[in-house]
Amino acid sequence: MKSEFFPTEYHLEVYQGSFQSDPCFFVQSSTPFGAMSVGDYFHSAATDQWTNPPDMVKERLVIYQIEHIFWSIDRSHNGHKIMVALKTVVV
């Protein structure tokens, strides 16, 4: 059996508060996104869609949860979605 390789689509969805709401930022790429970890700061200038934007003088958005979803569309492409949930913290 011959293996075939298909392109991968990469998706990033960012949520403020929890995954129960709509994402406030999303983007798709043909190349992987850089590594992200729980505890990393997420700069709010990425979008103006925040439901409760932080006061950048004394608050920051911090990644507190990350989920990955993988899928394959037969004979077409693969997918990798990273879902990131943020919370506001005082610095």
PDB file of N, CA and C in Angstrom:
ATOM      1  N   MET A   1       0.847  -1.188   0.000  1.00  0.00           N
ATOM      2  CA  MET A   1       0.000   0.000   0.000  1.00  0.00           C
ATOM      3  C   MET A   1       0.882   1.238   0.000  1.00  0.00           C
ATOM      4  N   LYS A   2       0.620   2.122  -0.921  1.00  0.00           N
ATOM      5  CA  LYS A   2       1.390   3.348  -1.064  1.00  0.00           C
ATOM      6  C   LYS A   2       0.796   4.450  -0.181  1.00  0.00           C
ATOM      7  N   SER A   3       1.655   5.127   0.582  1.00  0.00           N
ATOM      8  CA  SER A   3       1.202   6.245   1.414  1.00  0.00           C
ATOM      9  C   SER A   3       1.133   7.511   0.577  1.00  0.00           C
ATOM     10  N   GLU A   4       0.113   8.306   0.824  1.00  0.00           N
ATOM     11  CA  GLU A   4      -0.010   9.596   0.160  1.00  0.00           C
ATOM     12  C   GLU A   4      -0.012  10.685   1.221  1.00  0.00           C
ATOM     13  N   PHE A   5       0.610  11.789   0.891  1.00  0.00           N
ATOM     14  CA  PHE A   5       0.647  12.922   1.802  1.00  0.00           C
ATOM     15  C   PHE A   5      -0.209  14.048   1.233  1.00  0.00           C
ATOM     16  N   PHE A   6      -0.978  14.664   2.112  1.00  0.00           N
ATOM     17  CA  PHE A   6      -1.852  15.749   1.700  1.00  0.00           C
ATOM     18  C   PHE A   6      -1.495  17.009   2.483  1.00  0.00           C
ATOM     19  N   PRO A   7      -1.806  18.170   1.938  1.00  0.00           N
ATOM     20  CA  PRO A   7      -1.492  19.407   2.660  1.00  0.00           C
ATOM     21  C   PRO A   7      -2.286  19.504   3.961  1.00  0.00           C
ATOM     22  N   THR A   8      -1.754  20.273   4.881  1.00  0.00           N
ATOM     23  CA  THR A   8      -2.421  20.493   6.162  1.00  0.00           C
ATOM     24  C   THR A   8      -2.838  21.947   6.277  1.00  0.00           C
ATOM     25  N   GLU A   9      -4.076  22.167   6.677  1.00  0.00           N
ATOM     26  CA  GLU A   9      -4.572  23.510   6.997  1.00  0.00           C
ATOM     27  C   GLU A   9      -4.436  23.694   8.505  1.00  0.00           C
ATOM     28  N   TYR A  10      -3.968  24.858   8.910  1.00  0.00           N
ATOM     29  CA  TYR A  10      -3.801  25.164  10.331  1.00  0.00           C
ATOM     30  C   TYR A  10      -4.767  26.289  10.700  1.00  0.00           C
ATOM     31  N   HIS A  11      -5.447  26.122  11.815  1.00  0.00           N
ATOM     32  CA  HIS A  11      -6.426  27.098  12.282  1.00  0.00           C
ATOM     33  C   HIS A  11      -6.096  27.475  13.723  1.00  0.00           C
ATOM     34  N   LEU A  12      -6.262  28.743  14.047  1.00  0.00           N
ATOM     35  CA  LEU A  12      -6.105  29.215  15.422  1.00  0.00           C
ATOM     36  C   LEU A  12      -7.372  29.969  15.787  1.00  0.00           C
ATOM     37  N   GLU A  13      -8.005  29.567  16.893  1.00  0.00           N
ATOM     38  CA  GLU A  13      -9.174  30.272  17.411  1.00  0.00           C
ATOM     39  C   GLU A  13      -8.867  30.702  18.840  1.00  0.00           C
ATOM     40  N   VAL A  14      -9.130  31.971  19.139  1.00  0.00           N
ATOM     41  CA  VAL A  14      -8.855  32.523  20.464  1.00  0.00           C
ATOM     42  C   VAL A  14     -10.172  32.940  21.102  1.00  0.00           C
ATOM     43  N   TYR A  15     -10.370  32.493  22.336  1.00  0.00           N
ATOM     44  CA  TYR A  15     -11.601  32.743  23.079  1.00  0.00           C
ATOM     45  C   TYR A  15     -11.282  33.532  24.339  1.00  0.00           C
ATOM     46  N   GLN A  16     -12.147  34.458  24.674  1.00  0.00           N
ATOM     47  CA  GLN A  16     -11.985  35.202  25.915  1.00  0.00           C
ATOM     48  C   GLN A  16     -12.935  34.612  26.948  1.00  0.00           C
ATOM     49  N   GLY A  17     -12.376  34.060  27.998  1.00  0.00           N
ATOM     50  CA  GLY A  17     -13.182  33.502  29.073  1.00  0.00           C
ATOM     51  C   GLY A  17     -13.330  32.001  28.984  1.00  0.00           C
ATOM     52  N   SER A  18     -14.037  31.502  27.951  1.00  0.00           N
ATOM     53  CA  SER A  18     -14.229  30.056  27.823  1.00  0.00           C
ATOM     54  C   SER A  18     -14.526  29.709  26.371  1.00  0.00           C
ATOM     55  N   PHE A  19     -14.521  28.419  26.091  1.00  0.00           N
ATOM     56  CA  PHE A  19     -14.829  27.944  24.747  1.00  0.00           C
ATOM     57  C   PHE A  19     -16.333  27.964  24.467  1.00  0.00           C
ATOM     58  N   GLN A  20     -17.139  28.372  25.434  1.00  0.00           N
ATOM     59  CA  GLN A  20     -18.593  28.406  25.267  1.00  0.00           C
ATOM     60  C   GLN A  20     -19.042  29.594  24.421  1.00  0.00           C
ATOM     61  N   SER A  21     -18.205  30.623  24.323  1.00  0.00           N
ATOM     62  CA  SER A  21     -18.566  31.809  23.543  1.00  0.00           C
ATOM     63  C   SER A  21     -17.992  31.690  22.129  1.00  0.00           C
ATOM     64  N   ASP A  22     -18.319  32.643  21.282  1.00  0.00           N
ATOM     65  CA  ASP A  22     -17.728  32.696  19.949  1.00  0.00           C
ATOM     66  C   ASP A  22     -16.272  33.142  20.067  1.00  0.00           C
ATOM     67  N   PRO A  23     -15.411  32.686  19.149  1.00  0.00           N
ATOM     68  CA  PRO A  23     -14.028  33.155  19.201  1.00  0.00           C
ATOM     69  C   PRO A  23     -13.965  34.650  18.915  1.00  0.00           C
ATOM     70  N   CYS A  24     -13.048  35.342  19.590  1.00  0.00           N
ATOM     71  CA  CYS A  24     -12.887  36.772  19.341  1.00  0.00           C
ATOM     72  C   CYS A  24     -11.762  37.021  18.332  1.00  0.00           C
ATOM     73  N   PHE A  25     -11.055  35.971  17.983  1.00  0.00           N
ATOM     74  CA  PHE A  25      -9.987  36.091  16.989  1.00  0.00           C
ATOM     75  C   PHE A  25      -9.786  34.724  16.355  1.00  0.00           C
ATOM     76  N   PHE A  26      -9.641  34.689  15.039  1.00  0.00           N
ATOM     77  CA  PHE A  26      -9.333  33.430  14.369  1.00  0.00           C
ATOM     78  C   PHE A  26      -8.554  33.712  13.101  1.00  0.00           C
ATOM     79  N   VAL A  27      -7.721  32.760  12.740  1.00  0.00           N
ATOM     80  CA  VAL A  27      -6.894  32.903  11.545  1.00  0.00           C
ATOM     81  C   VAL A  27      -6.580  31.507  11.014  1.00  0.00           C
ATOM     82  N   GLN A  28      -6.366  31.407   9.710  1.00  0.00           N
ATOM     83  CA  GLN A  28      -6.023  30.148   9.059  1.00  0.00           C
ATOM     84  C   GLN A  28      -4.686  30.333   8.356  1.00  0.00           C
ATOM     85  N   SER A  29      -3.885  29.258   8.298  1.00  0.00           N
ATOM     86  CA  SER A  29      -2.556  29.336   7.699  1.00  0.00           C
ATOM     87  C   SER A  29      -2.221  28.037   6.991  1.00  0.00           C
ATOM     88  N   SER A  30      -1.292  28.110   6.061  1.00  0.00           N
ATOM     89  CA  SER A  30      -0.793  26.901   5.408  1.00  0.00           C
ATOM     90  C   SER A  30       0.456  26.374   6.117  1.00  0.00           C
ATOM     91  N   THR A  31       0.940  27.107   7.112  1.00  0.00           N
ATOM     92  CA  THR A  31       2.097  26.675   7.901  1.00  0.00           C
ATOM     93  C   THR A  31       1.713  26.653   9.378  1.00  0.00           C
ATOM     94  N   PRO A  32       2.377  25.814  10.173  1.00  0.00           N
ATOM     95  CA  PRO A  32       2.024  25.712  11.598  1.00  0.00           C
ATOM     96  C   PRO A  32       2.278  27.015  12.352  1.00  0.00           C
ATOM     97  N   PHE A  33       1.513  27.214  13.406  1.00  0.00           N
ATOM     98  CA  PHE A  33       1.722  28.355  14.297  1.00  0.00           C
ATOM     99  C   PHE A  33       2.828  28.006  15.287  1.00  0.00           C
ATOM    100  N   GLY A  34       3.460  29.024  15.844  1.00  0.00           N
ATOM    101  CA  GLY A  34       4.494  28.798  16.844  1.00  0.00           C
ATOM    102  C   GLY A  34       3.909  28.179  18.101  1.00  0.00           C
ATOM    103  N   ALA A  35       4.797  27.650  18.915  1.00  0.00           N
ATOM    104  CA  ALA A  35       4.371  26.987  20.153  1.00  0.00           C
ATOM    105  C   ALA A  35       3.701  27.987  21.095  1.00  0.00           C
ATOM    106  N   MET A  36       2.650  27.526  21.755  1.00  0.00           N
ATOM    107  CA  MET A  36       1.942  28.302  22.766  1.00  0.00           C
ATOM    108  C   MET A  36       1.799  27.425  23.993  1.00  0.00           C
ATOM    109  N   SER A  37       1.843  28.052  25.156  1.00  0.00           N
ATOM    110  CA  SER A  37       1.735  27.301  26.401  1.00  0.00           C
ATOM    111  C   SER A  37       0.806  28.008  27.364  1.00  0.00           C
ATOM    112  N   VAL A  38       0.194  27.214  28.237  1.00  0.00           N
ATOM    113  CA  VAL A  38      -0.589  27.793  29.326  1.00  0.00           C
ATOM    114  C   VAL A  38       0.350  28.693  30.128  1.00  0.00           C
ATOM    115  N   GLY A  39      -0.132  29.897  30.440  1.00  0.00           N
ATOM    116  CA  GLY A  39       0.676  30.868  31.176  1.00  0.00           C
ATOM    117  C   GLY A  39       1.289  31.939  30.293  1.00  0.00           C
ATOM    118  N   ASP A  40       1.335  31.715  28.968  1.00  0.00           N
ATOM    119  CA  ASP A  40       1.865  32.731  28.050  1.00  0.00           C
ATOM    120  C   ASP A  40       0.927  33.930  28.005  1.00  0.00           C
ATOM    121  N   TYR A  41       1.504  35.119  27.845  1.00  0.00           N
ATOM    122  CA  TYR A  41       0.702  36.314  27.607  1.00  0.00           C
ATOM    123  C   TYR A  41       0.243  36.335  26.152  1.00  0.00           C
ATOM    124  N   PHE A  42      -0.944  36.869  25.913  1.00  0.00           N
ATOM    125  CA  PHE A  42      -1.472  37.046  24.564  1.00  0.00           C
ATOM    126  C   PHE A  42      -1.770  38.525  24.409  1.00  0.00           C
ATOM    127  N   HIS A  43      -1.117  39.172  23.475  1.00  0.00           N
ATOM    128  CA  HIS A  43      -1.268  40.624  23.325  1.00  0.00           C
ATOM    129  C   HIS A  43      -2.625  40.956  22.710  1.00  0.00           C
ATOM    130  N   SER A  44      -3.368  41.827  23.329  1.00  0.00           N
ATOM    131  CA  SER A  44      -4.731  42.138  22.896  1.00  0.00           C
ATOM    132  C   SER A  44      -4.800  42.971  21.630  1.00  0.00           C
ATOM    133  N   ALA A  45      -3.676  43.462  21.132  1.00  0.00           N
ATOM    134  CA  ALA A  45      -3.696  44.245  19.893  1.00  0.00           C
ATOM    135  C   ALA A  45      -3.975  43.366  18.674  1.00  0.00           C
ATOM    136  N   ALA A  46      -4.000  42.051  18.859  1.00  0.00           N
ATOM    137  CA  ALA A  46      -4.246  41.141  17.742  1.00  0.00           C
ATOM    138  C   ALA A  46      -5.624  41.361  17.115  1.00  0.00           C
ATOM    139  N   THR A  47      -6.558  41.877  17.881  1.00  0.00           N
ATOM    140  CA  THR A  47      -7.906  42.088  17.367  1.00  0.00           C
ATOM    141  C   THR A  47      -8.613  43.150  18.202  1.00  0.00           C
ATOM    142  N   ASP A  48      -9.639  43.731  17.648  1.00  0.00           N
ATOM    143  CA  ASP A  48     -10.455  44.691  18.400  1.00  0.00           C
ATOM    144  C   ASP A  48     -11.799  44.074  18.792  1.00  0.00           C
ATOM    145  N   GLN A  49     -11.869  42.744  18.789  1.00  0.00           N
ATOM    146  CA  GLN A  49     -13.120  42.036  19.045  1.00  0.00           C
ATOM    147  C   GLN A  49     -13.293  41.565  20.490  1.00  0.00           C
ATOM    148  N   TRP A  50     -12.495  42.059  21.417  1.00  0.00           N
ATOM    149  CA  TRP A  50     -12.590  41.594  22.802  1.00  0.00           C
ATOM    150  C   TRP A  50     -13.912  42.016  23.414  1.00  0.00           C
ATOM    151  N   THR A  51     -14.551  41.111  24.141  1.00  0.00           N
ATOM    152  CA  THR A  51     -15.803  41.444  24.811  1.00  0.00           C
ATOM    153  C   THR A  51     -15.545  42.322  26.031  1.00  0.00           C
ATOM    154  N   ASN A  52     -14.389  42.155  26.626  1.00  0.00           N
ATOM    155  CA  ASN A  52     -13.998  42.954  27.791  1.00  0.00           C
ATOM    156  C   ASN A  52     -12.503  43.216  27.679  1.00  0.00           C
ATOM    157  N   PRO A  53     -12.084  44.221  26.889  1.00  0.00           N
ATOM    158  CA  PRO A  53     -10.650  44.422  26.649  1.00  0.00           C
ATOM    159  C   PRO A  53      -9.902  44.761  27.936  1.00  0.00           C
ATOM    160  N   PRO A  54      -8.677  44.251  28.079  1.00  0.00           N
ATOM    161  CA  PRO A  54      -7.909  44.551  29.278  1.00  0.00           C
ATOM    162  C   PRO A  54      -7.396  45.981  29.274  1.00  0.00           C
ATOM    163  N   ASP A  55      -7.221  46.538  30.464  1.00  0.00           N
ATOM    164  CA  ASP A  55      -6.538  47.818  30.636  1.00  0.00           C
ATOM    165  C   ASP A  55      -5.048  47.496  30.586  1.00  0.00           C
ATOM    166  N   MET A  56      -4.392  47.760  29.455  1.00  0.00           N
ATOM    167  CA  MET A  56      -3.017  47.315  29.234  1.00  0.00           C
ATOM    168  C   MET A  56      -2.015  47.913  30.226  1.00  0.00           C
ATOM    169  N   VAL A  57      -2.421  48.926  30.968  1.00  0.00           N
ATOM    170  CA  VAL A  57      -1.521  49.492  31.977  1.00  0.00           C
ATOM    171  C   VAL A  57      -1.373  48.539  33.152  1.00  0.00           C
ATOM    172  N   LYS A  58      -2.464  47.867  33.519  1.00  0.00           N
ATOM    173  CA  LYS A  58      -2.410  47.020  34.709  1.00  0.00           C
ATOM    174  C   LYS A  58      -2.929  45.599  34.506  1.00  0.00           C
ATOM    175  N   GLU A  59      -3.371  45.250  33.292  1.00  0.00           N
ATOM    176  CA  GLU A  59      -3.914  43.912  33.043  1.00  0.00           C
ATOM    177  C   GLU A  59      -3.303  43.304  31.790  1.00  0.00           C
ATOM    178  N   ARG A  60      -3.294  41.978  31.748  1.00  0.00           N
ATOM    179  CA  ARG A  60      -2.826  41.244  30.577  1.00  0.00           C
ATOM    180  C   ARG A  60      -3.763  40.061  30.332  1.00  0.00           C
ATOM    181  N   LEU A  61      -3.813  39.623  29.072  1.00  0.00           N
ATOM    182  CA  LEU A  61      -4.521  38.396  28.725  1.00  0.00           C
ATOM    183  C   LEU A  61      -3.521  37.250  28.811  1.00  0.00           C
ATOM    184  N   VAL A  62      -3.924  36.173  29.491  1.00  0.00           N
ATOM    185  CA  VAL A  62      -3.044  35.033  29.701  1.00  0.00           C
ATOM    186  C   VAL A  62      -3.746  33.771  29.208  1.00  0.00           C
ATOM    187  N   ILE A  63      -2.997  32.917  28.515  1.00  0.00           N
ATOM    188  CA  ILE A  63      -3.535  31.632  28.069  1.00  0.00           C
ATOM    189  C   ILE A  63      -3.722  30.742  29.288  1.00  0.00           C
ATOM    190  N   TYR A  64      -4.957  30.231  29.482  1.00  0.00           N
ATOM    191  CA  TYR A  64      -5.172  29.328  30.603  1.00  0.00           C
ATOM    192  C   TYR A  64      -5.654  27.950  30.156  1.00  0.00           C
ATOM    193  N   GLN A  65      -5.995  27.801  28.877  1.00  0.00           N
ATOM    194  CA  GLN A  65      -6.425  26.493  28.389  1.00  0.00           C
ATOM    195  C   GLN A  65      -6.147  26.418  26.888  1.00  0.00           C
ATOM    196  N   ILE A  66      -5.671  25.254  26.450  1.00  0.00           N
ATOM    197  CA  ILE A  66      -5.399  25.011  25.028  1.00  0.00           C
ATOM    198  C   ILE A  66      -5.988  23.654  24.659  1.00  0.00           C
ATOM    199  N   GLU A  67      -6.691  23.616  23.531  1.00  0.00           N
ATOM    200  CA  GLU A  67      -7.208  22.355  23.002  1.00  0.00           C
ATOM    201  C   GLU A  67      -6.790  22.229  21.547  1.00  0.00           C
ATOM    202  N   HIS A  68      -6.512  20.996  21.128  1.00  0.00           N
ATOM    203  CA  HIS A  68      -6.135  20.710  19.746  1.00  0.00           C
ATOM    204  C   HIS A  68      -7.198  19.805  19.133  1.00  0.00           C
ATOM    205  N   ILE A  69      -7.538  20.083  17.884  1.00  0.00           N
ATOM    206  CA  ILE A  69      -8.451  19.233  17.131  1.00  0.00           C
ATOM    207  C   ILE A  69      -7.755  18.882  15.821  1.00  0.00           C
ATOM    208  N   PHE A  70      -7.765  17.589  15.471  1.00  0.00           N
ATOM    209  CA  PHE A  70      -7.153  17.111  14.234  1.00  0.00           C
ATOM    210  C   PHE A  70      -8.214  16.406  13.403  1.00  0.00           C
ATOM    211  N   TRP A  71      -8.118  16.548  12.092  1.00  0.00           N
ATOM    212  CA  TRP A  71      -9.038  15.845  11.214  1.00  0.00           C
ATOM    213  C   TRP A  71      -8.373  15.599   9.870  1.00  0.00           C
ATOM    214  N   SER A  72      -8.998  14.735   9.098  1.00  0.00           N
ATOM    215  CA  SER A  72      -8.521  14.424   7.762  1.00  0.00           C
ATOM    216  C   SER A  72      -9.730  14.348   6.839  1.00  0.00           C
ATOM    217  N   ILE A  73      -9.659  15.054   5.755  1.00  0.00           N
ATOM    218  CA  ILE A  73     -10.679  14.984   4.711  1.00  0.00           C
ATOM    219  C   ILE A  73     -10.129  14.048   3.636  1.00  0.00           C
ATOM    220  N   ASP A  74     -10.773  12.905   3.471  1.00  0.00           N
ATOM    221  CA  ASP A  74     -10.274  11.848   2.603  1.00  0.00           C
ATOM    222  C   ASP A  74      -9.858  12.371   1.234  1.00  0.00           C
ATOM    223  N   ARG A  75      -8.622  12.079   0.874  1.00  0.00           N
ATOM    224  CA  ARG A  75      -8.037  12.409  -0.433  1.00  0.00           C
ATOM    225  C   ARG A  75      -7.986  13.912  -0.704  1.00  0.00           C
ATOM    226  N   SER A  76      -8.056  14.742   0.334  1.00  0.00           N
ATOM    227  CA  SER A  76      -8.060  16.188   0.133  1.00  0.00           C
ATOM    228  C   SER A  76      -6.997  16.886   0.981  1.00  0.00           C
ATOM    229  N   HIS A  77      -7.198  16.903   2.306  1.00  0.00           N
ATOM    230  CA  HIS A  77      -6.266  17.615   3.178  1.00  0.00           C
ATOM    231  C   HIS A  77      -6.430  17.157   4.629  1.00  0.00           C
ATOM    232  N   ASN A  78      -5.506  17.563   5.446  1.00  0.00           N
ATOM    233  CA  ASN A  78      -5.559  17.347   6.889  1.00  0.00           C
ATOM    234  C   ASN A  78      -5.808  18.693   7.551  1.00  0.00           C
ATOM    235  N   GLY A  79      -6.280  18.668   8.777  1.00  0.00           N
ATOM    236  CA  GLY A  79      -6.512  19.904   9.514  1.00  0.00           C
ATOM    237  C   GLY A  79      -6.003  19.808  10.937  1.00  0.00           C
ATOM    238  N   HIS A  80      -5.546  20.939  11.442  1.00  0.00           N
ATOM    239  CA  HIS A  80      -5.128  21.058  12.840  1.00  0.00           C
ATOM    240  C   HIS A  80      -5.634  22.400  13.351  1.00  0.00           C
ATOM    241  N   LYS A  81      -6.548  22.340  14.330  1.00  0.00           N
ATOM    242  CA  LYS A  81      -7.077  23.559  14.939  1.00  0.00           C
ATOM    243  C   LYS A  81      -6.559  23.653  16.370  1.00  0.00           C
ATOM    244  N   ILE A  82      -6.051  24.828  16.716  1.00  0.00           N
ATOM    245  CA  ILE A  82      -5.653  25.119  18.091  1.00  0.00           C
ATOM    246  C   ILE A  82      -6.675  26.108  18.639  1.00  0.00           C
ATOM    247  N   MET A  83      -7.289  25.730  19.753  1.00  0.00           N
ATOM    248  CA  MET A  83      -8.245  26.609  20.418  1.00  0.00           C
ATOM    249  C   MET A  83      -7.595  27.078  21.717  1.00  0.00           C
ATOM    250  N   VAL A  84      -7.534  28.396  21.890  1.00  0.00           N
ATOM    251  CA  VAL A  84      -6.862  29.002  23.041  1.00  0.00           C
ATOM    252  C   VAL A  84      -7.870  29.811  23.829  1.00  0.00           C
ATOM    253  N   ALA A  85      -7.979  29.550  25.132  1.00  0.00           N
ATOM    254  CA  ALA A  85      -8.865  30.329  26.011  1.00  0.00           C
ATOM    255  C   ALA A  85      -7.995  31.252  26.868  1.00  0.00           C
ATOM    256  N   LEU A  86      -8.453  32.499  26.971  1.00  0.00           N
ATOM    257  CA  LEU A  86      -7.705  33.520  27.703  1.00  0.00           C
ATOM    258  C   LEU A  86      -8.469  34.007  28.912  1.00  0.00           C
ATOM    259  N   LYS A  87      -7.728  34.423  29.917  1.00  0.00           N
ATOM    260  CA  LYS A  87      -8.331  35.107  31.062  1.00  0.00           C
ATOM    261  C   LYS A  87      -7.526  36.380  31.305  1.00  0.00           C
ATOM    262  N   THR A  88      -8.150  37.342  31.924  1.00  0.00           N
ATOM    263  CA  THR A  88      -7.491  38.606  32.247  1.00  0.00           C
ATOM    264  C   THR A  88      -6.888  38.513  33.642  1.00  0.00           C
ATOM    265  N   VAL A  89      -5.626  38.923  33.764  1.00  0.00           N
ATOM    266  CA  VAL A  89      -4.965  38.927  35.057  1.00  0.00           C
ATOM    267  C   VAL A  89      -4.373  40.308  35.313  1.00  0.00           C
ATOM    268  N   VAL A  90      -4.273  40.667  36.580  1.00  0.00           N
ATOM    269  CA  VAL A  90      -3.655  41.923  36.990  1.00  0.00           C
ATOM    270  C   VAL A  90      -2.150  41.694  37.109  1.00  0.00           C
ATOM    271  N   VAL A  91      -1.380  42.608  36.537  1.00  0.00           N
ATOM    272  CA  VAL A  91       0.092  42.488  36.606  1.00  0.00           C
ATOM    273  C   VAL A  91       0.694  43.575  37.468  1.00  0.00           C
TER     274      VAL A  91
END
